[in-house]
Protein backbone atom coordinates (compact mmCIF):
# COMPACT_ATOMS: atom_id res chain seq x y z
CA MET A 1 8.98 4.02 14.02
CA ARG A 2 12.71 3.32 14.26
CA LEU A 3 15.18 6.14 13.68
CA ILE A 4 18.63 6.09 12.12
CA TYR A 5 20.99 9.07 12.04
CA LYS A 6 23.22 11.03 9.69
CA ILE A 7 25.72 13.68 10.76
CA CYS A 8 25.99 16.16 7.92
CA PRO A 9 27.66 19.56 7.25
CA GLU A 10 24.95 22.22 7.31
CA GLU A 11 25.93 23.63 3.92
CA LEU A 12 25.56 20.21 2.30
CA TRP A 13 22.18 19.64 3.93
CA ARG A 14 20.80 23.03 2.89
CA ALA A 15 21.73 22.18 -0.71
CA ALA A 16 19.80 18.92 -0.36
CA GLU A 17 16.75 20.84 0.88
CA ARG A 18 16.87 22.97 -2.25
CA GLU A 19 17.20 19.92 -4.49
CA GLY A 20 14.48 17.91 -2.76
CA GLU A 21 16.62 14.88 -1.88
CA PHE A 22 19.90 14.02 -0.19
CA ALA A 23 22.43 12.26 -2.42
CA GLY A 24 25.05 11.94 0.31
CA ALA A 25 28.36 13.43 1.36
CA PRO A 26 31.47 12.93 -0.81
CA VAL A 27 32.43 9.79 1.13
CA ASP A 28 28.93 8.38 0.50
CA VAL A 29 29.20 9.04 -3.24
CA GLN A 30 32.64 7.40 -3.24
CA ASP A 31 31.41 4.29 -1.42
CA GLY A 32 28.21 3.96 -3.45
CA PHE A 33 25.80 4.28 -0.53
CA ILE A 34 24.80 6.76 2.19
CA HIS A 35 26.26 5.92 5.60
CA PHE A 36 23.92 6.04 8.59
CA SER A 37 24.28 5.10 12.26
CA THR A 38 21.86 3.67 14.78
CA ALA A 39 21.40 5.39 18.12
CA GLY A 40 23.95 3.07 19.71
CA GLN A 41 26.52 3.66 16.96
CA LEU A 42 26.17 7.43 16.72
CA ALA A 43 28.66 8.45 19.42
CA GLY A 44 31.42 6.34 17.87
CA THR A 45 30.70 7.79 14.44
CA ALA A 46 30.81 11.36 15.76
CA GLN A 47 34.09 10.81 17.59
CA LYS A 48 35.85 9.01 14.73
CA HIS A 49 34.73 11.09 11.75
CA PHE A 50 33.58 14.51 12.98
CA ALA A 51 35.77 15.59 15.92
CA GLY A 52 36.77 19.24 15.58
CA GLN A 53 34.27 19.98 12.78
CA ARG A 54 31.83 22.87 13.14
CA ASP A 55 28.52 23.68 11.47
CA LEU A 56 27.20 20.14 11.68
CA LEU A 57 23.60 18.92 11.73
CA LEU A 58 22.12 15.71 13.07
CA ILE A 59 19.50 14.30 10.68
CA SER A 60 17.03 11.84 12.23
CA VAL A 61 15.48 9.53 9.63
CA ASP A 62 12.60 7.05 9.82
CA GLU A 63 14.16 3.87 8.42
CA GLY A 64 10.75 2.40 7.66
CA THR A 65 10.26 4.91 4.83
CA LEU A 66 13.42 3.84 2.97
CA GLY A 67 12.27 0.41 1.78
CA ASP A 68 14.56 -2.24 0.33
CA ALA A 69 17.23 0.33 -0.58
CA LEU A 70 18.29 0.32 3.10
CA ARG A 71 20.55 -2.58 4.06
CA TYR A 72 22.38 -3.44 7.27
CA GLU A 73 25.96 -4.42 6.45
CA PRO A 74 29.15 -5.08 8.48
CA SER A 75 31.31 -2.01 9.03
CA ARG A 76 33.28 -0.61 11.98
CA GLY A 77 34.25 -3.42 14.33
CA GLY A 78 32.08 -5.88 12.40
CA ASP A 79 28.91 -4.16 13.63
CA LEU A 80 25.96 -3.96 11.23
CA PHE A 81 25.43 -0.39 10.04
CA PRO A 82 22.51 0.96 7.96
CA HIS A 83 23.53 1.77 4.38
CA LEU A 84 21.15 3.41 1.90
CA TYR A 85 21.70 2.49 -1.75
CA GLY A 86 20.23 5.51 -3.49
CA PRO A 87 19.24 9.08 -2.66
CA MET A 88 17.28 9.79 0.51
CA PRO A 89 13.90 11.49 0.05
CA LEU A 90 13.40 14.39 2.43
CA LYS A 91 10.03 12.98 3.49
CA ALA A 92 11.98 10.35 5.45
CA VAL A 93 13.43 13.02 7.78
CA ARG A 94 11.83 13.38 11.19
CA LYS A 95 14.12 15.95 12.83
CA VAL A 96 17.10 18.20 12.02
CA GLN A 97 19.22 19.47 14.94
CA LYS A 98 22.28 21.69 15.14
CA LEU A 99 25.33 20.13 16.80
CA GLU A 100 27.86 21.95 18.97
CA LEU A 101 31.47 21.17 19.88
CA GLY A 102 32.64 20.71 23.43
CA SER A 103 35.80 22.29 24.85
CA ASP A 104 37.65 19.08 23.93
CA GLY A 105 36.64 19.42 20.28
CA HIS A 106 34.24 16.48 20.35
CA VAL A 107 30.71 16.74 19.03
CA ILE A 108 28.04 17.12 21.72
CA LEU A 109 25.16 14.83 20.85
CA PRO A 110 21.60 15.50 22.04
CA GLN A 111 19.81 12.95 24.15
CA LEU A 112 18.01 10.69 21.71
CA GLU A 113 14.42 9.83 22.37
CA ARG A 114 13.58 6.14 22.35
CA GLU A 115 11.59 5.56 19.17
CA THR A 116 9.63 2.34 18.83
CA ALA A 117 6.68 1.23 16.81
CA SER A 118 3.27 1.35 18.45
CA PRO A 119 2.45 -2.23 19.51
CA PHE A 120 0.42 -4.03 16.86
CA ASP A 121 -2.68 -5.91 18.04
CA PRO A 122 -2.85 -9.10 15.93
CA ALA A 123 -6.19 -10.28 17.33
CA ALA A 124 -7.85 -6.95 16.54
CA ASN A 125 -6.61 -7.27 12.96
CA GLY A 126 -7.99 -10.73 12.24
CA TRP A 127 -5.04 -12.89 13.31
CA THR A 128 -5.46 -16.02 15.46
CA THR A 129 -2.85 -17.86 17.49
CA ARG A 130 -1.42 -21.15 16.32
CA PRO A 131 -1.05 -23.76 19.08
CA ASP A 132 2.65 -24.54 19.44
CA THR A 133 4.74 -26.59 21.85
CA GLY A 134 8.49 -26.87 22.30
CA LEU A 135 10.68 -23.95 21.27
CA MET A 136 7.99 -21.99 19.41
CA GLY A 137 5.68 -22.37 22.39
CA LEU A 138 8.34 -20.66 24.49
CA VAL A 139 9.11 -17.78 22.12
CA GLY A 140 5.62 -17.38 20.61
CA PRO A 141 2.77 -17.08 20.24
CA ILE A 142 2.87 -17.55 16.49
CA TRP A 143 -0.09 -15.91 14.77
CA MET A 144 -1.74 -16.95 11.50
CA LYS A 145 -4.15 -15.43 9.01
CA ASP A 146 -5.51 -16.55 5.64
CA GLU A 147 -5.08 -14.12 2.75
CA GLY A 148 -6.71 -15.57 -0.36
CA ASP A 149 -5.12 -18.97 -1.01
CA ALA A 150 -2.09 -18.16 1.16
CA ARG A 151 -1.71 -18.51 4.89
CA ARG A 152 0.50 -15.94 6.58
CA TYR A 153 2.32 -16.44 9.87
CA GLY A 154 3.52 -13.70 12.20
CA PHE A 155 5.00 -12.89 15.59
CA LEU A 156 4.97 -9.75 17.71
CA ALA A 157 8.46 -8.65 18.78
CA GLU A 158 8.79 -8.32 22.55
CA ALA A 159 11.62 -7.43 24.92
CA ARG A 160 12.48 -11.12 25.37
CA HIS A 161 13.25 -11.41 21.65
CA LEU A 162 15.85 -8.61 21.64
CA ASN A 163 19.64 -8.88 21.60
CA HIS A 164 22.07 -6.61 23.47
CA GLY A 165 21.74 -4.05 20.68
CA GLY A 166 18.04 -3.62 21.41
CA VAL A 167 16.74 -5.28 18.20
CA VAL A 168 15.26 -8.72 17.55
CA HIS A 169 17.91 -11.44 17.71
CA GLY A 170 18.79 -13.07 14.40
CA GLY A 171 18.22 -16.47 15.99
CA MET A 172 14.60 -15.57 16.62
CA LEU A 173 14.09 -14.56 12.99
CA MET A 174 15.70 -17.80 11.80
CA ALA A 175 13.57 -19.93 14.15
CA PHE A 176 10.43 -18.12 13.02
CA ALA A 177 11.33 -18.52 9.33
CA ASP A 178 11.97 -22.24 9.85
CA GLN A 179 8.62 -22.64 11.59
CA ALA A 180 6.64 -20.65 9.01
CA LEU A 181 8.23 -22.46 6.07
CA GLY A 182 7.83 -25.82 7.77
CA VAL A 183 4.11 -25.49 8.45
CA THR A 184 3.57 -24.13 4.93
CA ALA A 185 5.33 -27.21 3.55
CA SER A 186 3.28 -29.47 5.84
CA ARG A 187 0.03 -28.03 4.49
CA ALA A 188 1.25 -28.68 0.95
CA ASN A 189 2.21 -32.33 1.55
CA GLY A 190 -0.99 -33.35 3.32
CA GLY A 191 0.36 -33.13 6.84
CA ARG A 192 3.01 -35.85 6.54
CA ARG A 193 6.01 -35.62 8.85
CA GLN A 194 9.05 -33.80 7.51
CA VAL A 195 12.39 -32.37 8.62
CA THR A 196 14.41 -29.33 7.62
CA VAL A 197 17.36 -30.30 5.43
CA GLN A 198 18.65 -26.82 4.62
CA LEU A 199 17.78 -23.26 5.65
CA ASP A 200 19.58 -20.19 4.30
CA THR A 201 18.79 -16.80 5.83
CA HIS A 202 19.76 -13.28 4.80
CA PHE A 203 19.21 -10.36 7.20
CA LEU A 204 18.20 -7.10 5.50
CA ALA A 205 17.08 -4.77 8.30
CA THR A 206 16.53 -4.69 12.04
CA VAL A 207 13.26 -5.35 13.87
CA GLY A 208 12.37 -3.32 16.95
CA ASP A 209 10.32 -3.98 20.06
CA GLY A 210 6.60 -3.84 19.26
CA GLU A 211 6.90 -4.55 15.54
CA PHE A 212 4.91 -7.36 13.92
CA VAL A 213 6.89 -9.66 11.61
CA VAL A 214 4.98 -11.54 8.89
CA ALA A 215 6.32 -14.48 6.89
CA HIS A 216 5.29 -14.50 3.22
CA CYS A 217 6.02 -18.11 2.24
CA GLU A 218 5.83 -19.85 -1.11
CA ILE A 219 6.62 -23.28 -2.52
CA VAL A 220 9.27 -23.20 -5.22
CA ARG A 221 9.04 -26.90 -6.11
CA LEU A 222 7.12 -29.81 -4.62
CA ALA A 223 8.70 -33.21 -5.37
CA ARG A 224 7.74 -36.65 -4.06
CA SER A 225 10.13 -36.56 -1.11
CA MET A 226 11.57 -33.02 -1.13
CA ILE A 227 9.93 -29.60 -0.82
CA PHE A 228 11.81 -26.47 -1.89
CA MET A 229 10.62 -23.29 -0.15
CA ARG A 230 11.36 -19.58 0.20
CA CYS A 231 9.92 -16.67 2.15
CA ALA A 232 10.29 -12.99 2.91
CA LEU A 233 9.94 -11.73 6.47
CA LYS A 234 8.36 -8.28 6.47
CA VAL A 235 7.29 -5.56 8.88
CA GLY A 236 4.58 -3.86 6.85
CA ASP A 237 6.12 -3.28 3.44
CA ARG A 238 9.69 -3.36 4.80
CA ALA A 239 11.59 -6.59 4.12
CA VAL A 240 13.73 -7.49 7.16
CA ALA A 241 14.98 -10.92 6.08
CA THR A 242 14.66 -13.57 3.40
CA ALA A 243 14.98 -17.33 3.80
CA SER A 244 15.02 -20.33 1.52
CA GLY A 245 15.32 -24.01 2.28
CA VAL A 246 14.63 -27.65 1.60
CA TRP A 247 12.39 -29.99 3.57
CA LYS A 248 12.53 -33.80 3.46
CA VAL A 249 9.23 -35.67 3.65
CA LEU A 250 9.74 -38.66 5.94
CA GLY A 251 8.71 -42.08 4.66
CA ALA A 252 8.44 -40.87 1.07
């Protein structure tokens, strides 16, 4: 479980409890989405937007319950902030805490517990490792599992995959997407050699330490010398990235 945070006037939050969902503060309604902060962004948000304000609550929310309506988009300083496009169901809330002001008028934030997903055991869930050399051998293992006619590929996020913000580096997600799409294309073309011509990636949400990322790949079009592919990278039902690309079959 990964938590994101919302600082909210108590009166506004109590109204949301009566209504059964949180539609956002006036600034959220104006912008068209509900602003949230990660643990690392929370102090800056409190200092910039809530200094001197009393009767505030800190709402801790499980981002995994918000689905595709939650997107990470550039905001203050170019950092990626969680934005929820739609009302927030109260079932997503994990904790509500009162906030106090210090003598300097700044909000005093509680110490946030480190929330991470329980490590997933791929082998115990029917996944087997795929032998890899080179880059993927260094950052893997890459796991695979057949589901009907499709073969899924996955990797377990570890500390070595994280960036300075404590989430999986975008480069790791791109490398994994390229590998998963590439081997899917290779299966479709009879194992002939191929190279990536184009790979476009869109990041939708963060991935934390201990989470298992699965690539759901599909062939869009299979031509004589070109293979057009796309995939969604998911943690459970939560989409964290999408990728699409073109592969060139060598010698075709």
